């Protein structure tokens, strides 16, 4: 899986890149190597917003695009929330695919 990390109002250093790769390993293990993920890290500069750190992830799979967003006071926590949400979405997508595949296989078998 290809991971692209972008930053808005946040410098993206090697530490943040490693954090993103580490947090999304679980997702990477469940999707194809051809999948592409875009991670955008940003900081809201409005003082009225207490949870100003935002992590936004878009995962492009064959036939579907999944998106998750997490906000927190710390960038690390926002990335963690985002990774948990995306892992849940990927699991749900894989379960849907499996159930459809099983239903097609059951329908294709002749009735005994």
Protein backbone atom coordinates (compact mmCIF):
# COMPACT_ATOMS: atom_id res chain seq x y z
CA UNK A 1 0.00 0.00 0.00
CA UNK A 2 1.27 3.44 -0.90
CA UNK A 3 0.98 6.09 1.81
CA UNK A 4 1.20 9.79 1.00
CA UNK A 5 1.45 12.18 3.96
CA UNK A 6 0.63 15.88 3.51
CA UNK A 7 0.61 18.71 6.02
CA UNK A 8 -1.38 21.92 6.18
CA UNK A 9 -0.09 24.42 8.76
CA UNK A 10 1.91 21.46 10.12
CA UNK A 11 5.46 20.51 9.16
CA UNK A 12 5.60 16.83 8.19
CA UNK A 13 8.83 15.34 9.51
CA UNK A 14 10.15 11.78 9.56
CA UNK A 15 8.70 11.18 13.03
CA UNK A 16 5.16 11.93 11.83
CA UNK A 17 5.63 9.76 8.73
CA UNK A 18 6.78 6.82 10.87
CA UNK A 19 3.84 7.36 13.25
CA UNK A 20 1.37 7.27 10.34
CA UNK A 21 2.97 4.12 8.88
CA UNK A 22 2.95 2.40 12.26
CA UNK A 23 -0.68 3.28 13.04
CA UNK A 24 -1.96 2.16 9.63
CA UNK A 25 -0.11 -1.20 9.48
CA UNK A 26 -3.29 -3.02 10.51
CA UNK A 27 -5.17 -1.43 7.60
CA UNK A 28 -2.29 -2.11 5.19
CA UNK A 29 -2.37 -5.82 6.07
CA UNK A 30 -6.05 -6.05 5.12
CA UNK A 31 -5.96 -4.28 1.74
CA UNK A 32 -4.27 -4.87 -1.58
CA UNK A 33 -0.74 -3.70 -2.33
CA UNK A 34 -2.27 -1.58 -5.11
CA UNK A 35 -4.29 0.49 -2.63
CA UNK A 36 -3.36 4.13 -2.18
CA UNK A 37 -3.79 6.14 1.01
CA UNK A 38 -3.62 9.91 1.39
CA UNK A 39 -3.12 11.24 4.92
CA UNK A 40 -3.59 14.95 5.52
CA UNK A 41 -2.47 16.40 8.84
CA UNK A 42 -3.60 19.93 9.62
CA UNK A 43 -4.01 22.39 12.43
CA UNK A 44 -7.07 24.59 12.78
CA UNK A 45 -5.86 28.02 13.77
CA UNK A 46 -9.14 29.20 15.24
CA UNK A 47 -8.68 29.71 19.02
CA UNK A 48 -12.34 28.85 19.60
CA UNK A 49 -11.71 25.25 18.48
CA UNK A 50 -10.20 23.30 21.41
CA UNK A 51 -9.44 20.19 19.36
CA UNK A 52 -7.35 21.91 16.73
CA UNK A 53 -5.28 18.97 15.45
CA UNK A 54 -7.00 17.16 12.57
CA UNK A 55 -5.98 13.98 10.76
CA UNK A 56 -7.88 13.14 7.59
CA UNK A 57 -7.36 9.89 5.66
CA UNK A 58 -8.67 8.80 2.28
CA UNK A 59 -8.12 5.20 1.19
CA UNK A 60 -8.57 4.41 -2.50
CA UNK A 61 -9.42 0.77 -3.11
CA UNK A 62 -10.64 -0.99 -6.22
CA UNK A 63 -14.24 0.14 -6.62
CA UNK A 64 -14.56 2.03 -3.34
CA UNK A 65 -13.09 5.02 -1.53
CA UNK A 66 -13.07 5.10 2.27
CA UNK A 67 -12.59 8.28 4.30
CA UNK A 68 -11.99 8.89 8.01
CA UNK A 69 -11.23 11.95 10.08
CA UNK A 70 -10.08 12.39 13.65
CA UNK A 71 -9.69 15.53 15.75
CA UNK A 72 -7.89 15.97 19.02
CA UNK A 73 -5.69 18.32 21.03
CA UNK A 74 -2.60 16.31 19.99
CA UNK A 75 -1.64 15.21 16.49
CA UNK A 76 -0.67 11.70 17.64
CA UNK A 77 -4.09 11.10 19.17
CA UNK A 78 -5.88 12.44 16.08
CA UNK A 79 -3.92 9.96 13.91
CA UNK A 80 -4.81 7.12 16.30
CA UNK A 81 -8.53 7.97 16.21
CA UNK A 82 -8.40 8.15 12.43
CA UNK A 83 -6.65 4.78 12.13
CA UNK A 84 -9.22 3.08 14.37
CA UNK A 85 -12.09 4.50 12.32
CA UNK A 86 -10.52 3.47 9.02
CA UNK A 87 -9.74 -0.04 10.34
CA UNK A 88 -13.43 -0.41 11.25
CA UNK A 89 -14.50 0.73 7.77
CA UNK A 90 -12.04 -1.63 6.03
CA UNK A 91 -13.24 -4.57 8.14
CA UNK A 92 -16.87 -3.78 7.29
CA UNK A 93 -16.03 -3.49 3.59
CA UNK A 94 -14.18 -6.83 3.60
CA UNK A 95 -17.08 -8.54 5.41
CA UNK A 96 -19.52 -7.19 2.82
CA UNK A 97 -17.35 -8.53 0.00
CA UNK A 98 -17.03 -11.94 1.67
CA UNK A 99 -20.78 -12.25 2.24
CA UNK A 100 -21.54 -11.28 -1.37
CA UNK A 101 -19.00 -13.79 -2.66
CA UNK A 102 -20.47 -16.56 -0.47
CA UNK A 103 -24.01 -15.69 -1.58
CA UNK A 104 -23.01 -15.87 -5.26
CA UNK A 105 -21.28 -19.21 -4.70
CA UNK A 106 -24.34 -20.63 -2.93
CA UNK A 107 -26.65 -19.41 -5.70
CA UNK A 108 -24.43 -20.88 -8.42
CA UNK A 109 -24.48 -24.38 -6.91
CA UNK A 110 -27.32 -26.54 -8.23
CA UNK A 111 -30.02 -27.47 -5.73
CA UNK A 112 -29.62 -31.07 -4.60
